Amino acid sequence: MNTSYCLRGSIVHTPLFGIMECIPDSYIVVINGRTAGLFSSLPLEYTDLPLYDYTGKIITPAFCDMHLHAPQYPMLGLGMDLQLLEWLNTYTFVTEQKFKDSEFARKVYSALAKKLVECGTTRVCMFSSIHYDATMILMEELENAGISGYVGKVNMDRNSPDYLLETTQESIEQTRRWIEESKKRFTHISPIITPRFTPSCTDELMEALGKFSQEYDLPIQSHLSENTDECAWVRELCPDCPQYWESYEKRGLFNSRTIMAHCVYSNFAEREAMRKHGVWVAHCPDSNSNLSSGIAPVRKMLREGLSVALGSDIAGGAEISMLKVVGQAIRVSKLRYLKSDKAEDFLTVAEALYLATSAGQEFFGEKAGFAVGNEFHALVFDDSALPPTDIINLQERMERLIYLADSSAIVDRFACKKL
């Protein structure tokens, strides 16, 4: 496995939020799978390394998908006329229960891992199902494909169909077993504590999961304020929690290693609690549109100092390509801009690209862009199939890729090594 090499091409990355750095015809040096530097000409000491020559092509950081449901891959594009809770009961739970069959899980997860790599996603923060065996299979397939990140065995001990319901004790025991086994077996895919959302988990289970997070030093992922009916349901279920976020915070599940999906209806008090606790937001624009959930106030979140990254949220999101999700994030932010009487600025191309790459890198403990010392995760784009023009610069070429291209424009992928 060769993890030391050089690349030549036009480099585009976002070292700061809102800043797209474009470096024509330059070199990236990778040593032992980590970025050693960006250079206008190749330093003499690196000339003996293998060189991948992508002259005329664009090299960018690979995508981080910070919220997606692996067992929903078979139902991609289904139920898009429904809203969240009806969609869960009509399609989602029925599909997820099929993953008690390990052979079925292997077939789906092998295909999913290949598709993610094809689309340029090399880091994930992912939900599995409640099933121990299927979750281990998912982690194995992702690691074998060269993907890194977090996978969570989902916990559900109430308000779920009988065929997808754990007892509280069973959920606790299976979660501990899964944590301990997965930490021993996998190098690049790690466990993450994953209560599906407050309505699916009793207080006893949530408290146990909070303790697991502390005991094993694990991050946490869940859902927050996605849908108005969901928010009302949480108020009924948790009369001791005036705000949705408190149902997590009181059980030790709301801190700087927590990432919450959606937050469409997070009011100022909830956003302020997230900021103070350092909680991340996984913004899922495609899902929020498809399930008629709403348009998340992303500009408010960013102005207020929250950490935000992008997620595909398949299968609420129908688009697994993060390149497409970047474009969707920009478009829905423009609708929010108009809805707010132009008070909330829309996302720029540079900002949205940052949310799909650098922000996720930071959640995984790395720096933005192609920073020296980062694990080298990169994509090589060939934009020659787009409508011909010779009057645009490198930044405009990247913009056209976001709006016009799909995964077929990605000609190579790297995750420490060439995939």
Protein backbone atom coordinates (compact mmCIF):
# COMPACT_ATOMS: atom_id res chain seq x y z
CA MET A 1 0.00 0.00 0.00
CA ASN A 2 1.63 3.23 -1.19
CA THR A 3 0.86 6.12 1.15
CA SER A 4 3.66 8.50 0.09
CA TYR A 5 3.30 10.22 -3.28
CA CYS A 6 2.76 13.54 -5.06
CA LEU A 7 -0.12 14.94 -7.09
CA ARG A 8 0.01 17.63 -9.74
CA GLY A 9 -3.07 19.58 -10.75
CA SER A 10 -5.17 22.64 -9.99
CA ILE A 11 -5.98 22.75 -6.28
CA VAL A 12 -9.23 24.07 -4.81
CA HIS A 13 -9.92 23.95 -1.06
CA THR A 14 -11.48 26.01 1.74
CA PRO A 15 -8.89 26.70 4.46
CA LEU A 16 -11.27 29.17 6.12
CA PHE A 17 -15.05 29.48 6.16
CA GLY A 18 -16.11 31.46 3.11
CA ILE A 19 -12.63 31.44 1.57
CA MET A 20 -12.03 29.28 -1.50
CA GLU A 21 -8.32 29.09 -2.21
CA CYS A 22 -7.60 28.26 -5.87
CA ILE A 23 -4.04 27.32 -6.84
CA PRO A 24 -3.54 26.57 -10.56
CA ASP A 25 -1.07 23.91 -11.70
CA SER A 26 0.55 23.07 -8.36
CA TYR A 27 1.68 20.07 -6.34
CA ILE A 28 0.46 18.30 -3.21
CA VAL A 29 2.93 16.08 -1.37
CA VAL A 30 1.60 13.23 0.77
CA ILE A 31 3.86 11.40 3.23
CA ASN A 32 2.56 8.34 5.08
CA GLY A 33 -1.00 9.22 4.14
CA ARG A 34 -0.85 12.79 5.45
CA THR A 35 -0.53 16.11 3.67
CA ALA A 36 3.07 17.35 3.79
CA GLY A 37 2.53 20.55 1.83
CA LEU A 38 1.25 22.42 -1.22
CA PHE A 39 3.90 23.70 -3.62
CA SER A 40 4.02 25.75 -6.83
CA SER A 41 6.94 23.58 -7.96
CA LEU A 42 7.95 20.17 -6.63
CA PRO A 43 10.76 20.39 -4.03
CA LEU A 44 13.86 18.39 -4.92
CA GLU A 45 13.55 16.09 -1.89
CA TYR A 46 10.22 14.76 -3.18
CA THR A 47 11.13 14.11 -6.81
CA ASP A 48 11.70 10.40 -6.20
CA LEU A 49 8.13 9.89 -4.96
CA PRO A 50 5.48 8.48 -7.31
CA LEU A 51 3.71 11.31 -9.13
CA TYR A 52 0.04 11.32 -10.13
CA ASP A 53 -0.18 13.88 -12.92
CA TYR A 54 -3.63 15.51 -13.10
CA THR A 55 -2.63 18.53 -15.16
CA GLY A 56 -5.78 20.32 -16.31
CA LYS A 57 -7.93 18.65 -13.66
CA ILE A 58 -9.13 19.94 -10.27
CA ILE A 59 -8.04 18.44 -6.94
CA THR A 60 -10.31 19.09 -3.92
CA PRO A 61 -10.75 17.61 -0.44
CA ALA A 62 -13.06 14.59 -0.39
CA PHE A 63 -16.55 14.96 1.04
CA CYS A 64 -17.67 14.31 4.62
CA ASP A 65 -21.30 13.15 4.93
CA MET A 66 -22.20 14.01 8.50
CA HIS A 67 -25.65 12.43 8.66
CA LEU A 68 -27.03 9.43 6.76
CA HIS A 69 -28.97 6.25 7.50
CA ALA A 70 -27.31 3.19 5.97
CA PRO A 71 -30.31 0.82 6.23
CA GLN A 72 -32.48 3.29 4.34
CA TYR A 73 -30.38 2.95 1.18
CA PRO A 74 -32.85 0.43 -0.36
CA MET A 75 -35.71 2.94 -0.04
CA LEU A 76 -33.90 5.86 -1.64
CA GLY A 77 -36.43 8.05 -3.45
CA LEU A 78 -39.51 6.48 -1.85
CA GLY A 79 -42.23 8.16 0.21
CA MET A 80 -41.32 11.69 -0.77
CA ASP A 81 -44.97 12.79 -0.63
CA LEU A 82 -45.06 12.11 3.13
CA GLN A 83 -43.92 14.08 6.14
CA LEU A 84 -41.46 12.79 8.72
CA LEU A 85 -43.51 10.74 11.19
CA GLU A 86 -45.79 9.19 8.55
CA TRP A 87 -42.76 8.47 6.38
CA LEU A 88 -41.02 6.68 9.26
CA ASN A 89 -44.03 4.47 9.93
CA THR A 90 -44.88 3.76 6.29
CA TYR A 91 -41.46 3.11 4.79
CA THR A 92 -38.52 3.46 7.15
CA PHE A 93 -39.22 1.03 9.96
CA VAL A 94 -40.44 -1.64 7.52
CA THR A 95 -37.19 -1.36 5.59
CA GLU A 96 -34.91 -1.26 8.62
CA GLN A 97 -36.34 -4.45 10.12
CA LYS A 98 -35.02 -6.37 7.09
CA PHE A 99 -31.49 -5.91 8.44
CA LYS A 100 -32.02 -8.66 10.98
CA ASP A 101 -31.02 -10.78 7.96
CA SER A 102 -27.22 -10.63 7.81
CA GLU A 103 -27.08 -11.79 4.20
CA PHE A 104 -29.40 -8.96 3.17
CA ALA A 105 -27.33 -6.50 5.21
CA ARG A 106 -24.10 -7.61 3.52
CA LYS A 107 -25.60 -7.15 0.06
CA VAL A 108 -26.94 -3.67 0.79
CA TYR A 109 -23.96 -2.38 2.74
CA SER A 110 -21.42 -3.60 0.20
CA ALA A 111 -23.31 -1.68 -2.50
CA LEU A 112 -23.64 1.39 -0.27
CA ALA A 113 -19.92 1.52 0.51
CA LYS A 114 -19.06 1.33 -3.18
CA LYS A 115 -21.58 4.05 -4.01
CA LEU A 116 -20.21 6.39 -1.34
CA VAL A 117 -16.69 6.06 -2.71
CA GLU A 118 -17.99 6.56 -6.25
CA CYS A 119 -19.63 9.82 -5.12
CA GLY A 120 -16.47 11.04 -3.39
CA THR A 121 -17.54 10.55 0.23
CA THR A 122 -14.63 9.18 2.27
CA ARG A 123 -15.72 10.21 5.78
CA VAL A 124 -19.11 9.55 7.35
CA CYS A 125 -21.16 10.00 10.50
CA MET A 126 -23.72 7.25 9.95
CA PHE A 127 -26.72 5.54 11.54
CA SER A 128 -27.09 1.77 11.30
CA SER A 129 -30.17 -0.09 12.59
CA ILE A 130 -30.82 -1.70 15.99
CA HIS A 131 -29.20 -4.96 14.82
CA TYR A 132 -25.80 -5.90 16.25
CA ASP A 133 -24.71 -8.20 13.40
CA ALA A 134 -25.80 -5.84 10.64
CA THR A 135 -24.02 -2.94 12.31
CA MET A 136 -20.77 -4.90 12.46
CA ILE A 137 -21.19 -5.82 8.79
CA LEU A 138 -21.71 -2.16 7.91
CA MET A 139 -18.56 -1.10 9.75
CA GLU A 140 -16.59 -3.85 8.01
CA GLU A 141 -17.81 -2.93 4.53
CA LEU A 142 -17.05 0.76 5.04
CA GLU A 143 -13.55 0.09 6.34
CA ASN A 144 -12.81 -2.33 3.52
CA ALA A 145 -13.88 0.35 1.02
CA GLY A 146 -11.42 2.88 2.47
CA ILE A 147 -14.03 5.01 4.25
CA SER A 148 -13.41 6.33 7.76
CA GLY A 149 -15.59 7.91 10.43
CA TYR A 150 -18.34 6.92 12.85
CA VAL A 151 -21.15 4.36 12.72
CA GLY A 152 -23.85 4.03 15.37
CA LYS A 153 -25.96 1.06 16.39
CA VAL A 154 -29.39 2.65 16.75
CA ASN A 155 -31.22 2.46 20.10
CA MET A 156 -35.04 2.23 20.26
CA ASP A 157 -37.01 0.94 23.25
CA ARG A 158 -40.35 2.77 22.89
CA ASN A 159 -42.79 4.17 20.32
CA SER A 160 -41.59 1.82 17.61
CA PRO A 161 -43.16 -1.19 15.85
CA ASP A 162 -42.84 -4.47 17.73
CA TYR A 163 -40.61 -5.86 14.99
CA LEU A 164 -38.12 -3.01 15.52
CA LEU A 165 -38.28 -2.61 19.27
CA GLU A 166 -35.67 -3.56 21.85
CA THR A 167 -36.29 -3.94 25.55
CA THR A 168 -34.40 -1.38 27.55
CA GLN A 169 -32.06 -3.97 29.02
CA GLU A 170 -31.50 -5.65 25.66
CA SER A 171 -30.63 -2.31 24.07
CA ILE A 172 -28.15 -1.50 26.83
CA GLU A 173 -26.49 -4.92 26.75
CA GLN A 174 -26.25 -5.09 22.96
CA THR A 175 -24.85 -1.57 22.80
CA ARG A 176 -22.08 -2.36 25.28
CA ARG A 177 -21.23 -5.55 23.40
CA TRP A 178 -21.13 -3.69 20.09
CA ILE A 179 -18.94 -0.88 21.47
CA GLU A 180 -16.39 -3.26 22.92
CA GLU A 181 -16.23 -5.54 19.88
CA SER A 182 -16.11 -2.75 17.29
CA LYS A 183 -13.32 -0.91 19.13
CA LYS A 184 -11.25 -4.09 18.93
CA ARG A 185 -12.03 -4.99 15.31
CA PHE A 186 -11.88 -1.75 13.34
CA THR A 187 -9.18 0.84 12.77
CA HIS A 188 -10.83 3.57 10.70
CA ILE A 189 -14.51 3.13 11.61
CA SER A 190 -15.38 3.91 15.23
CA PRO A 191 -18.57 3.58 17.29
CA ILE A 192 -20.78 6.58 18.05
CA ILE A 193 -23.63 6.61 20.59
CA THR A 194 -26.90 6.75 18.62
CA PRO A 195 -30.28 7.16 20.30
CA ARG A 196 -32.57 7.45 17.27
CA PHE A 197 -34.33 10.44 18.79
CA THR A 198 -36.03 11.23 22.08
CA PRO A 199 -39.45 9.73 21.18
CA SER A 200 -37.80 6.33 20.53
CA CYS A 201 -35.83 6.10 23.79
CA THR A 202 -36.90 5.93 27.43
CA ASP A 203 -35.17 8.05 30.04
CA GLU A 204 -33.52 4.94 31.45
CA LEU A 205 -32.02 4.05 28.09
CA MET A 206 -30.91 7.63 27.40
CA GLU A 207 -29.17 7.80 30.77
CA ALA A 208 -27.35 4.54 30.07
CA LEU A 209 -26.23 5.84 26.68
CA GLY A 210 -24.94 9.03 28.27
CA LYS A 211 -22.88 6.94 30.67
CA PHE A 212 -21.52 4.83 27.80
CA SER A 213 -20.39 8.00 26.05
CA GLN A 214 -18.39 8.99 29.11
CA GLU A 215 -17.12 5.50 29.95
CA TYR A 216 -15.84 4.76 26.45
CA ASP A 217 -15.09 8.36 25.41
CA LEU A 218 -17.48 8.24 22.46
CA PRO A 219 -19.21 10.95 20.42
CA ILE A 220 -23.00 11.12 20.10
CA GLN A 221 -25.40 11.58 17.18
CA SER A 222 -29.16 12.01 17.06
CA HIS A 223 -31.96 14.21 15.71
CA LEU A 224 -33.23 17.53 17.03
CA SER A 225 -36.17 19.78 16.14
CA GLU A 226 -36.63 18.43 12.62
CA ASN A 227 -40.42 18.65 12.34
CA THR A 228 -43.16 20.55 14.19
CA ASP A 229 -45.14 17.39 15.03
CA GLU A 230 -41.98 15.78 16.39
CA CYS A 231 -41.28 18.82 18.60
CA ALA A 232 -44.83 18.73 19.98
CA TRP A 233 -44.52 14.99 20.65
CA VAL A 234 -41.34 15.51 22.65
CA ARG A 235 -43.09 18.11 24.81
CA GLU A 236 -45.78 15.52 25.60
CA LEU A 237 -43.30 12.75 26.34
CA CYS A 238 -40.93 14.90 28.41
CA PRO A 239 -42.93 17.32 30.56
CA ASP A 240 -39.77 17.93 32.60
CA CYS A 241 -38.05 19.36 29.50
CA PRO A 242 -39.52 22.67 28.28
CA GLN A 243 -37.02 22.63 25.40
CA TYR A 244 -36.33 19.62 23.16
CA TRP A 245 -32.56 19.86 23.71
CA GLU A 246 -33.00 19.34 27.46
CA SER A 247 -34.18 15.76 26.87
CA TYR A 248 -30.62 15.03 25.70
CA GLU A 249 -28.73 17.34 28.04
CA LYS A 250 -30.31 15.90 31.20
CA ARG A 251 -29.06 12.44 30.21
CA GLY A 252 -25.47 13.42 29.40
CA LEU A 253 -25.94 13.41 25.62
CA PHE A 254 -25.45 17.08 24.77
CA ASN A 255 -21.83 18.24 24.57
CA SER A 256 -19.00 19.22 22.23
CA ARG A 257 -18.83 15.70 20.78
CA THR A 258 -22.54 15.64 19.92
CA ILE A 259 -23.81 16.20 16.39
CA MET A 260 -27.53 16.80 15.95
CA ALA A 261 -29.24 16.48 12.59
CA HIS A 262 -31.67 19.07 11.20
CA CYS A 263 -32.40 21.66 13.94
CA VAL A 264 -34.93 23.24 11.57
CA TYR A 265 -37.08 24.52 14.44
CA SER A 266 -34.36 25.24 16.98
CA ASN A 267 -35.28 28.62 18.44
CA PHE A 268 -32.75 31.09 19.81
CA ALA A 269 -32.76 29.48 23.27
CA GLU A 270 -32.06 26.04 21.80
CA ARG A 271 -29.38 27.39 19.47
CA GLU A 272 -27.77 29.23 22.37
CA ALA A 273 -27.72 26.02 24.41
CA MET A 274 -26.07 24.27 21.48
CA ARG A 275 -23.48 27.01 21.19
CA LYS A 276 -22.67 26.94 24.91
CA HIS A 277 -22.36 23.14 24.94
CA GLY A 278 -20.40 23.06 21.67
CA VAL A 279 -22.98 20.83 19.96
CA TRP A 280 -22.65 20.45 16.18
CA VAL A 281 -25.44 20.75 13.60
CA ALA A 282 -25.71 18.37 10.64
CA HIS A 283 -27.62 20.43 8.09
CA CYS A 284 -29.62 18.20 5.72
CA PRO A 285 -31.17 20.45 3.06
CA ASP A 286 -32.40 17.73 0.71
CA SER A 287 -34.22 15.79 3.41
CA ASN A 288 -35.68 18.94 4.94
CA SER A 289 -37.18 19.75 1.54
CA ASN A 290 -38.34 16.25 0.59
CA LEU A 291 -40.19 15.60 3.85
CA SER A 292 -41.59 19.15 3.98
CA SER A 293 -39.84 19.73 7.29
CA GLY A 294 -38.77 23.29 6.59
CA ILE A 295 -35.69 25.39 5.86
CA ALA A 296 -33.10 25.38 8.63
CA PRO A 297 -31.84 28.82 9.75
CA VAL A 298 -28.25 28.04 8.80
CA ARG A 299 -27.11 31.65 8.48
CA LYS A 300 -28.42 32.40 11.97
CA MET A 301 -26.57 29.36 13.30
CA LEU A 302 -23.31 30.43 11.69
CA ARG A 303 -23.64 34.04 12.82
CA GLU A 304 -24.31 32.87 16.37
CA GLY A 305 -21.17 30.74 16.42
CA LEU A 306 -22.56 27.22 15.98
CA SER A 307 -20.53 24.55 14.20
CA VAL A 308 -22.40 23.34 11.10
CA ALA A 309 -21.62 20.60 8.57
CA LEU A 310 -23.62 19.00 5.75
CA GLY A 311 -25.36 15.63 5.56
CA SER A 312 -27.18 13.79 2.79
CA ASP A 313 -29.61 12.19 5.28
CA ILE A 314 -30.46 9.35 2.95
CA ALA A 315 -33.16 8.26 2.56
CA GLY A 316 -35.07 11.35 3.69
CA GLY A 317 -32.56 12.93 1.38
CA ALA A 318 -32.88 11.32 -2.04
CA GLU A 319 -29.40 12.38 -3.18
CA ILE A 320 -26.38 10.44 -1.90
CA SER A 321 -23.87 12.62 -3.78
CA MET A 322 -22.52 15.34 -1.50
CA LEU A 323 -21.63 17.34 -4.61
CA LYS A 324 -25.38 17.60 -5.21
CA VAL A 325 -26.07 18.32 -1.53
CA VAL A 326 -23.71 21.32 -1.72
CA GLY A 327 -25.84 22.75 -4.52
CA GLN A 328 -29.03 21.99 -2.62
CA ALA A 329 -27.70 23.76 0.48
CA ILE A 330 -27.09 26.89 -1.56
CA ARG A 331 -30.51 26.80 -3.22
CA VAL A 332 -32.55 26.35 -0.03
CA SER A 333 -30.52 29.08 1.68
CA LYS A 334 -31.66 31.43 -1.08
CA LEU A 335 -35.28 30.56 -0.32
CA ARG A 336 -34.58 31.27 3.36
CA TYR A 337 -32.97 34.57 2.31
CA LEU A 338 -36.17 35.58 0.53
CA LYS A 339 -38.41 34.26 3.30
CA SER A 340 -36.49 36.38 5.85
CA ASP A 341 -36.95 39.54 3.75
CA LYS A 342 -33.25 39.27 2.88
CA ALA A 343 -32.18 39.42 6.53
CA GLU A 344 -30.45 36.02 6.44
CA ASP A 345 -27.81 35.96 3.73
CA PHE A 346 -27.72 32.88 1.52
CA LEU A 347 -24.74 30.53 1.46
CA THR A 348 -22.05 31.23 -1.10
CA VAL A 349 -20.38 28.47 -3.11
CA ALA A 350 -17.26 28.79 -0.96
CA GLU A 351 -19.27 28.56 2.26
CA ALA A 352 -21.29 25.53 1.18
CA LEU A 353 -18.17 23.73 -0.05
CA TYR A 354 -16.57 24.37 3.35
CA LEU A 355 -19.57 22.81 5.10
CA ALA A 356 -19.25 19.67 2.95
CA THR A 357 -15.50 19.25 3.43
CA SER A 358 -13.60 21.29 6.00
CA ALA A 359 -16.36 21.38 8.62
CA GLY A 360 -16.60 17.60 8.70
CA GLN A 361 -12.82 17.33 8.87
CA GLU A 362 -12.90 19.51 11.97
CA PHE A 363 -15.52 17.28 13.62
CA PHE A 364 -13.12 14.39 13.06
CA GLY A 365 -10.33 16.33 14.80
CA GLU A 366 -8.50 17.67 11.76
CA LYS A 367 -7.89 21.12 10.31
CA ALA A 368 -9.66 22.74 7.38
CA GLY A 369 -8.76 22.16 3.75
CA PHE A 370 -5.47 20.56 2.76
CA ALA A 371 -3.76 21.59 6.01
CA VAL A 372 -0.34 20.11 6.66
CA GLY A 373 -0.68 17.07 8.92
CA ASN A 374 -4.23 16.19 7.86
CA GLU A 375 -5.02 12.72 6.63
CA PHE A 376 -5.07 13.10 2.87
CA HIS A 377 -8.62 12.67 1.60
CA ALA A 378 -9.03 14.06 -1.90
CA LEU A 379 -10.97 13.93 -5.16
CA VAL A 380 -9.84 14.62 -8.71
CA PHE A 381 -12.45 16.24 -10.97
CA ASP A 382 -12.40 16.32 -14.75
CA ASP A 383 -14.70 19.10 -15.96
CA SER A 384 -13.93 18.66 -19.66
CA ALA A 385 -17.41 17.23 -20.35
CA LEU A 386 -19.14 20.44 -19.21
CA PRO A 387 -20.19 23.01 -21.83
CA PRO A 388 -16.98 24.33 -23.45
CA THR A 389 -15.69 27.74 -22.46
CA ASP A 390 -12.25 29.27 -22.08
CA ILE A 391 -13.21 32.44 -20.26
CA ILE A 392 -13.63 31.19 -16.68
CA ASN A 393 -11.15 31.00 -13.83
CA LEU A 394 -10.52 28.12 -11.43
CA GLN A 395 -13.10 29.28 -8.88
CA GLU A 396 -15.74 29.49 -11.60
CA ARG A 397 -14.80 26.00 -12.81
CA MET A 398 -15.47 24.70 -9.29
CA GLU A 399 -18.80 26.52 -9.20
CA ARG A 400 -19.84 24.88 -12.47
CA LEU A 401 -18.91 21.45 -11.12
CA ILE A 402 -21.23 22.02 -8.15
CA TYR A 403 -24.15 23.12 -10.30
CA LEU A 404 -23.68 20.97 -13.42
CA ALA A 405 -21.62 17.86 -12.65
CA ASP A 406 -22.30 14.53 -10.98
CA SER A 407 -20.09 11.74 -9.65
CA SER A 408 -19.02 10.79 -13.18
CA ALA A 409 -16.79 13.89 -13.13
CA ILE A 410 -14.73 12.36 -10.29
CA VAL A 411 -11.90 10.45 -11.95
CA ASP A 412 -9.84 9.52 -8.87
CA ARG A 413 -10.26 9.33 -5.12
CA PHE A 414 -7.77 9.25 -2.24
CA ALA A 415 -8.16 8.32 1.43
CA CYS A 416 -4.55 8.22 2.62
CA LYS A 417 -3.92 5.93 -0.35
CA LYS A 418 -5.39 5.93 -3.84
CA LEU A 419 -8.74 4.13 -3.76
